[in-house]
Structure formats: C-alpha cells, structure tokens
Amino acid sequence: LDGRSSTRCELELLATGILRGTVLDRRSGLPIAGARVGSAEHGVSEVTTDARGRYVLTGIGLGTGLWSLAARASGYASRFELLRLPPEAPERTQDFALEAAVRAGGRVTGHSARPLAGARVVFLATLPVEPYTAALDRAEATTDANGRFTLSALQAGVRYRVLVIAAGHATGVFARGPFEGGVELELEEFRLASGGSLAGSVPERESGGSFQVRLQWIDDPEGGG
C-alpha cells in the first residue's frame, strides 16, 4: 500500500464456547473456594473458583476433538475430565469432585543407613481419564540435612513409581502405594547403593572414528563391594 489507495480486508470471526461448573469436596459435598480449573495443553488459562466453588471459562475454541480439563486445589488430589465442545453445543457444564490428597513423608539413606541430603525424590503415576486416555501425575521433593522429605498432594488409589537420585549413588527405582485419600503416612525408607561412572571413547581402527562409552558400577548395599 502506498497510502493513496484503498484495499478491502475481510476478517472471519470464529465462535467460541463457554464452560462452567462447580468444584466440590467429594466426601462432604461442600464447595471448594480458590480451586484452579484449566487446561494448559488445550490453551485454556486457569481460572479460580469463587466462594461457592463456581468457575466460568470463556473464549474456548470449538471442535469435535476430545481434550482434558483439570481441577486443582490445595490439600486435594488433582482431577481430570475428558470432554469436547462441538460447534452445535458451545456451552457445557462440567463439575468436579476432588478427593483429599495424601500427605507422605520419608527418608533417603545411603551406605550404613547414613542420611542423604539433597537427594531428589520423584513420584510418578498414570491417572486414568475416562474413557480413552490418561494423565501423568508428578510430585517431587528434595531431602533436607537429615535425609527427610515431605509431599503433600499425592493421589489416592494409584500406585507410584518412585525415582530417587543422589550424587555418588546409583539411581533407585521403587514402588509405593496405592494410598487411602486424606491420610498422613510415613513411607518405608529409601536406601540407595553407592555407585559411580566412567566415561570415555573407544577408537575404531579401520574407520578412524570412535564410540562413546559409559561404564557404571554399583556397590553391594550389604557390603560386598
């Protein structure tokens, strides 16, 4: 454009949908104020429930595909619901009933039951989202000077795979759960074996190339070396 002529521009405005609902405590049926509802994967920013546990999400893109909406609140396990918002039904109500979370504590030790400070403890679980998919639940903590950690929002009724990572030790893989909702419990101690690694390259004689090699070793936790 040179500023002296005119042109025509057409814009197509796409209709959007609305989701509304209530977030409740599953056991008591009471509303949960301050709960967060949204879907980062679908580009739906979180909103916060009011004093009556109500939320409204607007400006949601319409379509026939399924996507998951999450509700989260302090002291409760997250909840995911699978839904769709097609053009012929642009408004929908979706309520959530949240289960009280599990609060768990534990201890990480190394050789001779020595507490390990600064160890990463990662809890991973797959949560079914009916009827077709699942969501990943991840909770992480770092141990203190006494090797202790606390997690306050684990899911009830699921089995966790637990990764424990500490410098100078082999990564531990454990299983814990399922747990009853709303309880506070002490987990069985996580004990890591001492270990280490060596890295280097091995030359290939004919081509002149090389291969990267990493060797790892783990000490016998019973003292065999």
Protein backbone atom coordinates (compact mmCIF):
# COMPACT_ATOMS: atom_id res chain seq x y z
CA LEU A 1 0.00 0.00 0.00
CA ASP A 2 1.24 3.49 -0.86
CA GLY A 3 -1.15 5.40 1.42
CA ARG A 4 -3.17 6.82 -1.51
CA SER A 5 -5.18 3.76 -2.49
CA SER A 6 -7.69 1.73 -0.56
CA THR A 7 -8.00 -2.01 -0.11
CA ARG A 8 -10.50 -4.39 1.35
CA CYS A 9 -9.76 -6.78 4.17
CA GLU A 10 -12.19 -9.44 5.37
CA LEU A 11 -11.93 -10.97 8.82
CA GLU A 12 -13.63 -14.18 9.80
CA LEU A 13 -14.58 -14.29 13.48
CA LEU A 14 -14.78 -17.78 14.90
CA ALA A 15 -17.33 -18.62 17.54
CA THR A 16 -16.04 -19.73 20.94
CA GLY A 17 -17.54 -21.73 23.74
CA ILE A 18 -18.19 -21.45 27.46
CA LEU A 19 -17.53 -23.95 30.24
CA ARG A 20 -18.92 -23.52 33.72
CA GLY A 21 -19.26 -25.69 36.77
CA THR A 22 -18.61 -26.23 40.46
CA VAL A 23 -15.68 -27.79 42.33
CA LEU A 24 -16.73 -29.76 45.43
CA ASP A 25 -15.17 -31.83 48.20
CA ARG A 26 -16.02 -35.42 47.26
CA ARG A 27 -16.70 -36.57 50.81
CA SER A 28 -18.53 -33.60 52.30
CA GLY A 29 -20.12 -32.19 49.14
CA LEU A 30 -19.06 -28.69 50.21
CA PRO A 31 -17.77 -26.18 47.64
CA ILE A 32 -14.01 -25.58 47.37
CA ALA A 33 -13.12 -21.90 47.06
CA GLY A 34 -9.85 -20.97 45.38
CA ALA A 35 -9.62 -24.14 43.27
CA ARG A 36 -7.94 -23.74 39.87
CA VAL A 37 -9.57 -25.02 36.67
CA GLY A 38 -7.97 -25.00 33.22
CA SER A 39 -6.05 -26.90 30.55
CA ALA A 40 -2.54 -25.80 29.58
CA GLU A 41 -2.41 -28.46 26.82
CA HIS A 42 -5.56 -27.06 25.17
CA GLY A 43 -4.56 -23.42 25.68
CA VAL A 44 -7.24 -22.75 28.29
CA SER A 45 -5.85 -20.48 31.01
CA GLU A 46 -6.68 -21.37 34.60
CA VAL A 47 -9.44 -19.54 36.49
CA THR A 48 -10.13 -19.64 40.23
CA THR A 49 -13.38 -20.75 41.83
CA ASP A 50 -15.38 -18.27 43.93
CA ALA A 51 -16.63 -18.71 47.49
CA ARG A 52 -19.34 -21.10 46.24
CA GLY A 53 -16.83 -23.22 44.29
CA ARG A 54 -18.08 -21.95 40.91
CA TYR A 55 -15.95 -21.23 37.84
CA VAL A 56 -16.54 -19.97 34.29
CA LEU A 57 -14.19 -20.45 31.33
CA THR A 58 -14.84 -18.36 28.21
CA GLY A 59 -13.27 -17.98 24.76
CA ILE A 60 -12.73 -21.72 24.29
CA GLY A 61 -12.15 -22.93 20.75
CA LEU A 62 -14.89 -25.22 19.44
CA GLY A 63 -14.29 -28.61 17.87
CA THR A 64 -15.20 -32.29 17.94
CA GLY A 65 -11.89 -33.49 19.39
CA LEU A 66 -11.57 -34.67 22.98
CA TRP A 67 -9.33 -32.85 25.46
CA SER A 68 -8.80 -32.93 29.23
CA LEU A 69 -9.75 -30.26 31.74
CA ALA A 70 -8.07 -30.24 35.16
CA ALA A 71 -9.17 -29.03 38.59
CA ARG A 72 -6.60 -28.48 41.35
CA ALA A 73 -6.83 -27.22 44.91
CA SER A 74 -4.52 -27.06 47.91
CA GLY A 75 -4.88 -30.17 50.05
CA TYR A 76 -6.63 -32.11 47.31
CA ALA A 77 -5.56 -34.52 44.59
CA SER A 78 -5.92 -33.15 41.06
CA ARG A 79 -8.85 -34.32 38.96
CA PHE A 80 -9.04 -34.58 35.15
CA GLU A 81 -12.17 -34.82 33.00
CA LEU A 82 -12.25 -35.66 29.29
CA LEU A 83 -14.65 -33.55 27.24
CA ARG A 84 -15.45 -31.95 23.90
CA LEU A 85 -17.09 -28.65 22.97
CA PRO A 86 -18.55 -29.00 19.44
CA PRO A 87 -19.94 -26.06 17.42
CA GLU A 88 -23.52 -27.30 17.82
CA ALA A 89 -23.22 -27.28 21.64
CA PRO A 90 -20.90 -24.37 22.54
CA GLU A 91 -21.86 -24.25 26.22
CA ARG A 92 -21.36 -27.00 28.75
CA THR A 93 -21.40 -27.64 32.49
CA GLN A 94 -18.55 -29.67 33.97
CA ASP A 95 -18.43 -30.23 37.72
CA PHE A 96 -15.53 -31.68 39.71
CA ALA A 97 -15.47 -33.67 42.96
CA LEU A 98 -11.98 -33.64 44.47
CA GLU A 99 -10.58 -36.29 46.81
CA ALA A 100 -8.47 -35.21 49.78
CA ALA A 101 -4.80 -35.64 48.94
CA VAL A 102 -2.33 -37.99 50.61
CA ARG A 103 0.43 -36.38 52.68
CA ALA A 104 3.51 -38.59 52.83
CA GLY A 105 6.94 -38.29 54.41
CA GLY A 106 10.02 -40.42 54.13
CA ARG A 107 13.78 -40.73 54.44
CA VAL A 108 16.59 -41.43 51.97
CA THR A 109 19.74 -43.17 53.18
CA GLY A 110 22.95 -44.50 51.70
CA HIS A 111 25.66 -46.86 52.90
CA SER A 112 25.39 -47.80 56.59
CA ALA A 113 21.97 -46.10 56.76
CA ARG A 114 23.61 -42.66 56.51
CA PRO A 115 21.01 -39.96 55.65
CA LEU A 116 21.47 -38.37 52.21
CA ALA A 117 20.87 -34.63 51.97
CA GLY A 118 19.94 -33.01 48.66
CA ALA A 119 18.55 -36.20 47.10
CA ARG A 120 15.74 -35.76 44.55
CA VAL A 121 12.65 -37.88 45.16
CA VAL A 122 10.29 -38.05 42.18
CA PHE A 123 6.87 -39.74 42.36
CA LEU A 124 5.28 -40.67 39.00
CA ALA A 125 1.85 -42.17 38.37
CA THR A 126 -0.56 -42.58 35.47
CA LEU A 127 -4.09 -41.37 36.20
CA PRO A 128 -6.88 -42.77 34.01
CA VAL A 129 -9.06 -40.13 32.35
CA GLU A 130 -12.20 -41.95 31.26
CA PRO A 131 -12.93 -43.24 28.78
CA TYR A 132 -9.92 -43.07 26.44
CA THR A 133 -6.80 -41.53 27.86
CA ALA A 134 -4.66 -40.86 30.92
CA ALA A 135 -2.77 -38.04 32.62
CA LEU A 136 0.62 -38.08 34.28
CA ASP A 137 0.84 -37.15 37.94
CA ARG A 138 4.29 -35.98 39.05
CA ALA A 139 5.38 -34.85 42.50
CA GLU A 140 8.95 -34.03 43.51
CA ALA A 141 10.80 -33.13 46.70
CA THR A 142 14.40 -32.69 47.86
CA THR A 143 15.69 -34.19 51.08
CA ASP A 144 16.89 -32.00 53.96
CA ALA A 145 20.05 -32.38 56.08
CA ASN A 146 18.50 -35.40 57.80
CA GLY A 147 17.62 -37.09 54.53
CA ARG A 148 13.92 -36.39 55.02
CA PHE A 149 11.30 -35.17 52.54
CA THR A 150 7.56 -34.46 52.54
CA LEU A 151 4.99 -34.48 49.73
CA SER A 152 1.57 -33.05 50.45
CA ALA A 153 -0.56 -33.74 47.34
CA LEU A 154 -0.23 -37.39 46.28
CA GLN A 155 -3.17 -39.11 44.61
CA ALA A 156 -5.25 -41.70 46.43
CA GLY A 157 -5.83 -45.12 44.91
CA VAL A 158 -2.90 -45.18 42.47
CA ARG A 159 0.48 -46.90 42.52
CA TYR A 160 3.53 -44.68 42.15
CA ARG A 161 6.90 -45.36 40.62
CA VAL A 162 9.49 -43.52 42.68
CA LEU A 163 12.87 -42.36 41.38
CA VAL A 164 15.48 -41.38 43.98
CA ILE A 165 18.55 -39.56 42.65
CA ALA A 166 21.60 -38.59 44.70
CA ALA A 167 25.17 -37.68 43.75
CA GLY A 168 27.63 -40.56 44.11
CA HIS A 169 24.86 -43.15 44.29
CA ALA A 170 23.03 -45.36 41.86
CA THR A 171 19.56 -44.09 40.99
CA GLY A 172 16.96 -46.01 42.95
CA VAL A 173 13.65 -47.13 41.43
CA PHE A 174 10.93 -48.08 43.90
CA ALA A 175 7.17 -48.68 44.00
CA ARG A 176 4.83 -47.22 46.61
CA GLY A 177 1.05 -47.14 47.01
CA PRO A 178 -1.82 -47.22 46.46
CA PHE A 179 -2.75 -44.95 49.38
CA GLU A 180 -6.01 -44.07 51.07
CA GLY A 181 -7.14 -40.49 50.48
CA GLY A 182 -6.86 -37.88 53.21
CA VAL A 183 -4.27 -39.71 55.31
CA GLU A 184 -0.81 -38.70 56.52
CA LEU A 185 1.71 -41.51 56.47
CA GLU A 186 5.36 -42.41 56.83
CA LEU A 187 6.84 -44.27 53.86
CA GLU A 188 9.28 -47.13 54.06
CA GLU A 189 12.89 -45.89 53.93
CA PHE A 190 14.51 -45.43 50.51
CA ARG A 191 18.04 -46.85 50.61
CA LEU A 192 20.50 -46.18 47.77
CA ALA A 193 23.61 -48.14 46.89
CA SER A 194 26.89 -46.30 46.36
CA GLY A 195 27.95 -46.09 42.75
CA GLY A 196 29.80 -44.13 40.12
CA SER A 197 30.63 -43.96 36.44
CA LEU A 198 33.47 -43.60 33.97
CA ALA A 199 33.08 -42.07 30.53
CA GLY A 200 35.37 -42.06 27.51
CA SER A 201 35.76 -43.02 23.85
CA VAL A 202 36.97 -46.16 22.12
CA PRO A 203 38.66 -45.59 18.71
CA GLU A 204 37.62 -47.71 15.75
CA ARG A 205 40.81 -48.87 14.00
CA GLU A 206 39.67 -49.08 10.37
CA SER A 207 37.47 -46.01 10.03
CA GLY A 208 39.29 -43.78 12.47
CA GLY A 209 36.01 -42.97 14.21
CA SER A 210 35.24 -43.56 17.85
CA PHE A 211 32.44 -44.78 20.08
CA GLN A 212 31.32 -43.10 23.28
CA VAL A 213 31.26 -45.48 26.24
CA ARG A 214 29.99 -45.00 29.77
CA LEU A 215 30.55 -47.57 32.50
CA GLN A 216 28.59 -47.56 35.73
CA TRP A 217 29.10 -49.55 38.89
CA ILE A 218 27.01 -50.14 41.96
CA ASP A 219 28.30 -51.23 45.32
CA ASP A 220 26.60 -54.10 47.08
CA PRO A 221 24.42 -52.47 49.76
CA GLU A 222 25.08 -55.47 52.01
CA GLY A 223 28.78 -54.63 51.98
CA GLY A 224 30.06 -57.00 49.30
CA GLY A 225 31.70 -54.13 47.32
